[in-house]
C-alpha atoms as a PDB file:
ATOM      1  CA  UNK A   1      -3.902  12.784   0.493  1.00  0.00           C
ATOM      2  CA  UNK A   2      -3.365  13.502  -3.161  1.00  0.00           C
ATOM      3  CA  UNK A   3      -5.909  14.793  -5.445  1.00  0.00           C
ATOM      4  CA  UNK A   4      -8.384  11.753  -6.633  1.00  0.00           C
ATOM      5  CA  UNK A   5      -6.210   9.525  -8.559  1.00  0.00           C
ATOM      6  CA  UNK A   6      -8.787   6.942  -9.341  1.00  0.00           C
ATOM      7  CA  UNK A   7     -12.062   7.230 -10.900  1.00  0.00           C
ATOM      8  CA  UNK A   8     -15.615   5.662  -9.994  1.00  0.00           C
ATOM      9  CA  UNK A   9     -15.185   3.048 -12.311  1.00  0.00           C
ATOM     10  CA  UNK A  10     -11.565   2.002 -11.427  1.00  0.00           C
ATOM     11  CA  UNK A  11     -13.156   1.505  -7.652  1.00  0.00           C
ATOM     12  CA  UNK A  12     -15.891  -0.775  -8.591  1.00  0.00           C
ATOM     13  CA  UNK A  13     -13.432  -2.979 -10.757  1.00  0.00           C
ATOM     14  CA  UNK A  14     -11.226  -3.089  -8.112  1.00  0.00           C
ATOM     15  CA  UNK A  15     -14.269  -4.348  -5.843  1.00  0.00           C
ATOM     16  CA  UNK A  16     -15.310  -6.972  -8.226  1.00  0.00           C
ATOM     17  CA  UNK A  17     -18.641  -5.208  -9.304  1.00  0.00           C
ATOM     18  CA  UNK A  18     -19.956  -4.217 -12.844  1.00  0.00           C
ATOM     19  CA  UNK A  19     -17.856  -1.011 -13.591  1.00  0.00           C
ATOM     20  CA  UNK A  20     -19.724   0.288 -16.610  1.00  0.00           C
ATOM     21  CA  UNK A  21     -21.314   3.864 -16.097  1.00  0.00           C
ATOM     22  CA  UNK A  22     -25.062   2.432 -16.136  1.00  0.00           C
ATOM     23  CA  UNK A  23     -23.739  -0.340 -13.852  1.00  0.00           C
ATOM     24  CA  UNK A  24     -22.727   1.996 -11.072  1.00  0.00           C
ATOM     25  CA  UNK A  25     -25.444   4.309 -11.124  1.00  0.00           C
ATOM     26  CA  UNK A  26     -27.806   1.470 -11.005  1.00  0.00           C
ATOM     27  CA  UNK A  27     -25.919   0.208  -7.750  1.00  0.00           C
ATOM     28  CA  UNK A  28     -25.844   3.557  -6.146  1.00  0.00           C
ATOM     29  CA  UNK A  29     -29.818   3.948  -6.861  1.00  0.00           C
ATOM     30  CA  UNK A  30     -30.319   0.507  -5.787  1.00  0.00           C
ATOM     31  CA  UNK A  31     -28.568   0.473  -2.414  1.00  0.00           C
ATOM     32  CA  UNK A  32     -29.314   4.497  -1.179  1.00  0.00           C
ATOM     33  CA  UNK A  33     -29.888   6.261   0.946  1.00  0.00           C
ATOM     34  CA  UNK A  34     -27.500   4.595   3.587  1.00  0.00           C
ATOM     35  CA  UNK A  35     -28.598   5.356   7.222  1.00  0.00           C
ATOM     36  CA  UNK A  36     -26.887   8.549   8.821  1.00  0.00           C
ATOM     37  CA  UNK A  37     -25.141   6.486  11.850  1.00  0.00           C
ATOM     38  CA  UNK A  38     -23.869   3.731   9.414  1.00  0.00           C
ATOM     39  CA  UNK A  39     -20.298   3.396   8.004  1.00  0.00           C
ATOM     40  CA  UNK A  40     -19.849   2.801   4.358  1.00  0.00           C
ATOM     41  CA  UNK A  41     -17.992  -0.399   4.983  1.00  0.00           C
ATOM     42  CA  UNK A  42     -20.709  -1.411   7.495  1.00  0.00           C
ATOM     43  CA  UNK A  43     -23.344  -1.291   4.774  1.00  0.00           C
ATOM     44  CA  UNK A  44     -24.838  -4.752   4.505  1.00  0.00           C
ATOM     45  CA  UNK A  45     -24.753  -5.278   0.894  1.00  0.00           C
ATOM     46  CA  UNK A  46     -20.770  -5.673   0.701  1.00  0.00           C
ATOM     47  CA  UNK A  47     -19.051  -8.820   1.048  1.00  0.00           C
ATOM     48  CA  UNK A  48     -16.371  -9.430   3.716  1.00  0.00           C
ATOM     49  CA  UNK A  49     -13.420  -8.600   1.648  1.00  0.00           C
ATOM     50  CA  UNK A  50     -15.223  -5.476  -0.209  1.00  0.00           C
ATOM     51  CA  UNK A  51     -15.903  -4.347   3.381  1.00  0.00           C
ATOM     52  CA  UNK A  52     -12.218  -4.638   4.436  1.00  0.00           C
ATOM     53  CA  UNK A  53     -11.008  -2.788   1.592  1.00  0.00           C
ATOM     54  CA  UNK A  54     -13.119   0.353   1.767  1.00  0.00           C
ATOM     55  CA  UNK A  55     -12.398   0.087   5.803  1.00  0.00           C
ATOM     56  CA  UNK A  56      -8.539   0.108   4.937  1.00  0.00           C
ATOM     57  CA  UNK A  57      -8.364   2.578   2.184  1.00  0.00           C
ATOM     58  CA  UNK A  58     -10.266   5.072   4.139  1.00  0.00           C
ATOM     59  CA  UNK A  59      -8.203   4.575   7.494  1.00  0.00           C
ATOM     60  CA  UNK A  60      -4.834   4.349   5.718  1.00  0.00           C
ATOM     61  CA  UNK A  61      -5.929   7.685   3.567  1.00  0.00           C
ATOM     62  CA  UNK A  62      -4.984   5.780   0.848  1.00  0.00           C
ATOM     63  CA  UNK A  63      -5.098   6.796  -3.102  1.00  0.00           C
ATOM     64  CA  UNK A  64      -8.621   5.437  -2.966  1.00  0.00           C
ATOM     65  CA  UNK A  65     -10.023   7.636   0.120  1.00  0.00           C
ATOM     66  CA  UNK A  66     -11.234  10.553  -2.035  1.00  0.00           C
ATOM     67  CA  UNK A  67     -13.466   8.267  -4.660  1.00  0.00           C
ATOM     68  CA  UNK A  68     -14.505   6.277  -1.606  1.00  0.00           C
ATOM     69  CA  UNK A  69     -15.892   9.196   0.120  1.00  0.00           C
ATOM     70  CA  UNK A  70     -17.508  10.196  -3.218  1.00  0.00           C
ATOM     71  CA  UNK A  71     -19.505   6.895  -3.369  1.00  0.00           C
ATOM     72  CA  UNK A  72     -20.209   7.346   0.289  1.00  0.00           C
ATOM     73  CA  UNK A  73     -21.926  10.728  -0.649  1.00  0.00           C
ATOM     74  CA  UNK A  74     -23.619   9.446  -3.500  1.00  0.00           C
ATOM     75  CA  UNK A  75     -25.311   6.702  -1.363  1.00  0.00           C
ATOM     76  CA  UNK A  76     -26.420   8.946   1.324  1.00  0.00           C
ATOM     77  CA  UNK A  77     -28.509  11.068  -1.294  1.00  0.00           C
ATOM     78  CA  UNK A  78     -31.846  11.014  -0.864  1.00  0.00           C
ATOM     79  CA  UNK A  79     -32.810  11.867  -4.792  1.00  0.00           C
ATOM     80  CA  UNK A  80     -30.431  11.464  -7.698  1.00  0.00           C
ATOM     81  CA  UNK A  81     -30.772  15.085  -9.146  1.00  0.00           C
ATOM     82  CA  UNK A  82     -27.328  16.339 -10.056  1.00  0.00           C
ATOM     83  CA  UNK A  83     -25.402  13.702  -7.953  1.00  0.00           C
ATOM     84  CA  UNK A  84     -22.215  13.100 -10.553  1.00  0.00           C
ATOM     85  CA  UNK A  85     -21.025  10.317  -9.411  1.00  0.00           C
ATOM     86  CA  UNK A  86     -17.376  10.794 -10.517  1.00  0.00           C
ATOM     87  CA  UNK A  87     -17.628   8.000 -13.170  1.00  0.00           C
END
């Protein structure tokens, strides 16, 4: 996989979610922390198509995998200090 080719704003747009930096921060704040054993695509707040996209992109180690990993990390944080979501 090459370096991160996509931004968090691009990922949120691809997922059909509001993609302004404030929207992304609010989404992450509202949905974190994810349980340790829960895979990102299994989180209950995704639609079936969003979950499928996340799962496929990571399994295929596609261009989106790096930024999806960053989203996963952000959703597992217990506090927001110094997160820097890669917007």
